[in-house]
Amino acid sequence: MTVTVFTKPRCPQCEATKRQLKRQGIAFETVDLTENPSTLEQITQAGFRQAPVVITPDASWSGYRPDLIKQLAAGAVKISADANTQQTVLA
């Protein structure tokens, strides 16, 4: 499973998300949005307005969401069919 965390420097929610992913044993890649302006533009156009943005094969969300991280570890997070809302649906 590929998990990507889009972060920015000095972001407490980003650090908390990475700590929780590690605690749950979930491997992830980190992308610093300040070093990738085109990626930041894509993330913003997709409707995300806060960091971190977490993208998995089946879900996406923004902000520190320990509840979703725990459910991701349990395999119970799926994205809704309406990609325009960026809403995460819990299975």
N, C-alpha and C. Protein backbone atom coordinates (compact mmCIF):
# COMPACT_ATOMS: atom_id res chain seq x y z
N MET A 1 0.85 -1.17 0.00
CA MET A 1 0.00 0.00 0.00
C MET A 1 0.90 1.24 0.00
N THR A 2 0.61 2.15 -0.90
CA THR A 2 1.36 3.40 -0.98
C THR A 2 0.59 4.50 -0.27
N VAL A 3 1.22 5.11 0.70
CA VAL A 3 0.64 6.24 1.43
C VAL A 3 1.60 7.42 1.25
N THR A 4 1.05 8.55 0.82
CA THR A 4 1.85 9.75 0.65
C THR A 4 1.29 10.84 1.54
N VAL A 5 2.19 11.50 2.27
CA VAL A 5 1.82 12.60 3.14
C VAL A 5 2.44 13.87 2.57
N PHE A 6 1.58 14.79 2.17
CA PHE A 6 2.03 16.08 1.65
C PHE A 6 2.08 17.05 2.82
N THR A 7 3.26 17.60 3.07
CA THR A 7 3.49 18.38 4.28
C THR A 7 4.03 19.77 3.94
N LYS A 8 4.21 20.55 4.98
CA LYS A 8 4.91 21.83 4.88
C LYS A 8 5.76 21.98 6.14
N PRO A 9 6.78 22.82 6.10
CA PRO A 9 7.65 22.98 7.27
C PRO A 9 6.91 23.60 8.46
N ARG A 10 7.38 23.28 9.64
CA ARG A 10 6.85 23.83 10.89
C ARG A 10 5.33 23.65 11.00
N CYS A 11 4.87 22.46 10.69
CA CYS A 11 3.44 22.14 10.68
C CYS A 11 3.18 21.09 11.77
N PRO A 12 2.63 21.49 12.92
CA PRO A 12 2.39 20.53 14.00
C PRO A 12 1.47 19.38 13.59
N GLN A 13 0.45 19.67 12.78
CA GLN A 13 -0.47 18.61 12.34
C GLN A 13 0.25 17.62 11.43
N CYS A 14 1.19 18.14 10.62
CA CYS A 14 1.97 17.25 9.75
C CYS A 14 2.83 16.30 10.58
N GLU A 15 3.51 16.86 11.57
CA GLU A 15 4.36 16.03 12.43
C GLU A 15 3.53 15.01 13.20
N ALA A 16 2.38 15.41 13.70
CA ALA A 16 1.51 14.48 14.44
C ALA A 16 1.02 13.36 13.52
N THR A 17 0.71 13.69 12.28
CA THR A 17 0.26 12.67 11.33
C THR A 17 1.37 11.67 11.07
N LYS A 18 2.58 12.15 10.84
CA LYS A 18 3.70 11.24 10.59
C LYS A 18 3.98 10.36 11.81
N ARG A 19 3.92 10.94 12.99
CA ARG A 19 4.13 10.13 14.22
C ARG A 19 3.07 9.04 14.34
N GLN A 20 1.81 9.39 14.08
CA GLN A 20 0.72 8.41 14.21
C GLN A 20 0.85 7.31 13.15
N LEU A 21 1.22 7.67 11.94
CA LEU A 21 1.43 6.65 10.90
C LEU A 21 2.53 5.68 11.33
N LYS A 22 3.64 6.21 11.85
CA LYS A 22 4.72 5.35 12.34
C LYS A 22 4.25 4.47 13.48
N ARG A 23 3.51 5.05 14.41
CA ARG A 23 3.00 4.31 15.57
C ARG A 23 2.11 3.15 15.13
N GLN A 24 1.35 3.37 14.05
CA GLN A 24 0.45 2.32 13.55
C GLN A 24 1.16 1.35 12.60
N GLY A 25 2.44 1.58 12.34
CA GLY A 25 3.21 0.69 11.48
C GLY A 25 2.91 0.84 10.00
N ILE A 26 2.47 2.03 9.60
CA ILE A 26 2.12 2.29 8.20
C ILE A 26 3.31 2.99 7.53
N ALA A 27 3.84 2.36 6.49
CA ALA A 27 4.92 2.98 5.73
C ALA A 27 4.35 4.11 4.88
N PHE A 28 5.11 5.18 4.73
CA PHE A 28 4.62 6.32 3.95
C PHE A 28 5.78 7.09 3.34
N GLU A 29 5.46 7.85 2.31
CA GLU A 29 6.39 8.76 1.68
C GLU A 29 5.97 10.17 2.06
N THR A 30 6.93 11.09 2.15
CA THR A 30 6.63 12.48 2.48
C THR A 30 7.02 13.37 1.33
N VAL A 31 6.15 14.32 0.99
CA VAL A 31 6.43 15.31 -0.03
C VAL A 31 6.26 16.69 0.61
N ASP A 32 7.32 17.49 0.57
CA ASP A 32 7.28 18.84 1.11
C ASP A 32 6.69 19.75 0.03
N LEU A 33 5.52 20.30 0.30
CA LEU A 33 4.82 21.11 -0.69
C LEU A 33 5.55 22.41 -1.00
N THR A 34 6.37 22.91 -0.08
CA THR A 34 7.11 24.14 -0.36
C THR A 34 8.22 23.91 -1.38
N GLU A 35 8.63 22.66 -1.54
CA GLU A 35 9.66 22.32 -2.52
C GLU A 35 9.06 21.83 -3.84
N ASN A 36 7.74 21.71 -3.89
CA ASN A 36 7.06 21.19 -5.06
C ASN A 36 5.85 22.07 -5.39
N PRO A 37 6.07 23.26 -5.96
CA PRO A 37 4.96 24.17 -6.21
C PRO A 37 3.89 23.62 -7.15
N SER A 38 4.28 22.81 -8.12
CA SER A 38 3.28 22.26 -9.03
C SER A 38 2.39 21.25 -8.30
N THR A 39 2.97 20.50 -7.38
CA THR A 39 2.18 19.56 -6.58
C THR A 39 1.25 20.33 -5.65
N LEU A 40 1.73 21.41 -5.05
CA LEU A 40 0.87 22.26 -4.21
C LEU A 40 -0.31 22.77 -5.02
N GLU A 41 -0.07 23.19 -6.24
CA GLU A 41 -1.16 23.68 -7.09
C GLU A 41 -2.19 22.57 -7.36
N GLN A 42 -1.71 21.36 -7.64
CA GLN A 42 -2.62 20.23 -7.89
C GLN A 42 -3.43 19.90 -6.64
N ILE A 43 -2.79 19.90 -5.49
CA ILE A 43 -3.48 19.60 -4.23
C ILE A 43 -4.55 20.65 -3.96
N THR A 44 -4.20 21.91 -4.19
CA THR A 44 -5.15 23.01 -3.98
C THR A 44 -6.32 22.90 -4.95
N GLN A 45 -6.04 22.61 -6.22
CA GLN A 45 -7.10 22.46 -7.21
C GLN A 45 -8.01 21.28 -6.89
N ALA A 46 -7.48 20.29 -6.21
CA ALA A 46 -8.29 19.14 -5.82
C ALA A 46 -9.21 19.45 -4.64
N GLY A 47 -9.04 20.65 -4.06
CA GLY A 47 -9.94 21.07 -2.99
C GLY A 47 -9.38 21.00 -1.59
N PHE A 48 -8.14 20.58 -1.46
CA PHE A 48 -7.54 20.51 -0.13
C PHE A 48 -7.07 21.89 0.29
N ARG A 49 -7.36 22.27 1.53
CA ARG A 49 -7.05 23.61 2.00
C ARG A 49 -6.15 23.65 3.23
N GLN A 50 -5.76 22.49 3.76
CA GLN A 50 -4.88 22.48 4.91
C GLN A 50 -3.93 21.30 4.83
N ALA A 51 -2.80 21.45 5.48
CA ALA A 51 -1.81 20.38 5.55
C ALA A 51 -1.95 19.68 6.89
N PRO A 52 -1.57 18.44 6.92
CA PRO A 52 -1.09 17.62 5.82
C PRO A 52 -2.23 17.12 4.96
N VAL A 53 -1.89 16.68 3.77
CA VAL A 53 -2.83 15.95 2.91
C VAL A 53 -2.30 14.53 2.83
N VAL A 54 -3.15 13.59 3.15
CA VAL A 54 -2.78 12.17 3.13
C VAL A 54 -3.52 11.51 1.97
N ILE A 55 -2.77 10.85 1.11
CA ILE A 55 -3.34 10.14 -0.04
C ILE A 55 -2.97 8.67 0.09
N THR A 56 -3.98 7.80 0.04
CA THR A 56 -3.77 6.36 0.05
C THR A 56 -4.41 5.79 -1.21
N PRO A 57 -4.25 4.51 -1.49
CA PRO A 57 -4.91 3.95 -2.67
C PRO A 57 -6.44 4.09 -2.62
N ASP A 58 -7.03 4.11 -1.43
CA ASP A 58 -8.48 4.10 -1.31
C ASP A 58 -9.07 5.32 -0.61
N ALA A 59 -8.25 6.26 -0.17
CA ALA A 59 -8.78 7.39 0.62
C ALA A 59 -7.87 8.60 0.50
N SER A 60 -8.42 9.74 0.85
CA SER A 60 -7.62 10.96 0.95
C SER A 60 -8.29 11.89 1.95
N TRP A 61 -7.47 12.61 2.70
CA TRP A 61 -8.00 13.57 3.65
C TRP A 61 -6.94 14.61 3.97
N SER A 62 -7.37 15.68 4.62
CA SER A 62 -6.41 16.69 5.05
C SER A 62 -6.56 16.90 6.55
N GLY A 63 -5.48 17.41 7.14
CA GLY A 63 -5.47 17.63 8.58
C GLY A 63 -5.03 16.40 9.34
N TYR A 64 -4.86 16.57 10.63
CA TYR A 64 -4.46 15.46 11.50
C TYR A 64 -5.70 14.66 11.84
N ARG A 65 -5.77 13.41 11.38
CA ARG A 65 -6.93 12.56 11.58
C ARG A 65 -6.50 11.21 12.15
N PRO A 66 -6.22 11.16 13.46
CA PRO A 66 -5.79 9.88 14.04
C PRO A 66 -6.84 8.79 13.89
N ASP A 67 -8.11 9.17 13.86
CA ASP A 67 -9.17 8.18 13.68
C ASP A 67 -9.05 7.49 12.32
N LEU A 68 -8.78 8.27 11.27
CA LEU A 68 -8.65 7.68 9.94
C LEU A 68 -7.35 6.90 9.80
N ILE A 69 -6.30 7.35 10.47
CA ILE A 69 -5.04 6.62 10.42
C ILE A 69 -5.21 5.24 11.08
N LYS A 70 -5.90 5.19 12.20
CA LYS A 70 -6.14 3.90 12.86
C LYS A 70 -6.99 3.00 11.98
N GLN A 71 -7.99 3.57 11.32
CA GLN A 71 -8.83 2.77 10.43
C GLN A 71 -8.05 2.34 9.19
N LEU A 72 -7.14 3.18 8.72
CA LEU A 72 -6.28 2.80 7.61
C LEU A 72 -5.43 1.59 8.00
N ALA A 73 -4.90 1.61 9.21
CA ALA A 73 -4.10 0.49 9.69
C ALA A 73 -4.93 -0.79 9.76
N ALA A 74 -6.22 -0.63 10.04
CA ALA A 74 -7.11 -1.79 10.12
C ALA A 74 -7.70 -2.15 8.76
N GLY A 75 -7.39 -1.34 7.73
CA GLY A 75 -7.90 -1.63 6.39
C GLY A 75 -9.33 -1.23 6.18
N ALA A 76 -9.83 -0.23 6.92
CA ALA A 76 -11.25 0.09 6.88
C ALA A 76 -11.57 1.48 6.32
N VAL A 77 -10.65 2.11 5.58
CA VAL A 77 -10.91 3.44 5.04
C VAL A 77 -11.05 3.35 3.53
N LYS A 78 -12.13 3.92 3.00
CA LYS A 78 -12.36 3.97 1.56
C LYS A 78 -12.84 5.36 1.18
N ILE A 79 -12.45 5.79 -0.02
CA ILE A 79 -12.86 7.12 -0.49
C ILE A 79 -14.27 7.06 -1.06
N SER A 80 -14.99 8.15 -0.93
CA SER A 80 -16.33 8.21 -1.51
C SER A 80 -16.24 8.28 -3.02
N ALA A 81 -17.34 8.02 -3.69
CA ALA A 81 -17.38 8.05 -5.15
C ALA A 81 -17.32 9.48 -5.68
N ASP A 82 -17.68 10.46 -4.88
CA ASP A 82 -17.71 11.85 -5.31
C ASP A 82 -16.36 12.49 -5.03
N ALA A 83 -15.46 12.44 -6.00
CA ALA A 83 -14.10 12.96 -5.80
C ALA A 83 -14.08 14.47 -5.63
N ASN A 84 -15.11 15.17 -6.08
CA ASN A 84 -15.12 16.62 -5.96
C ASN A 84 -15.24 17.09 -4.52
N THR A 85 -15.81 16.28 -3.65
CA THR A 85 -15.97 16.70 -2.25
C THR A 85 -14.79 16.31 -1.40
N GLN A 86 -13.92 15.43 -1.89
CA GLN A 86 -12.77 14.94 -1.13
C GLN A 86 -13.23 14.40 0.24
N GLN A 87 -14.38 13.80 0.26
CA GLN A 87 -14.94 13.28 1.50
C GLN A 87 -14.48 11.85 1.71
N THR A 88 -14.09 11.53 2.89
CA THR A 88 -13.66 10.19 3.21
C THR A 88 -14.82 9.44 3.84
N VAL A 89 -15.06 8.25 3.36
CA VAL A 89 -16.14 7.42 3.88
C VAL A 89 -15.52 6.27 4.65
N LEU A 90 -15.99 6.04 5.82
CA LEU A 90 -15.47 4.96 6.63
C LEU A 90 -16.26 3.69 6.37
N ALA A 91 -15.56 2.62 6.12
CA ALA A 91 -16.22 1.35 5.82
C ALA A 91 -16.72 0.70 7.09
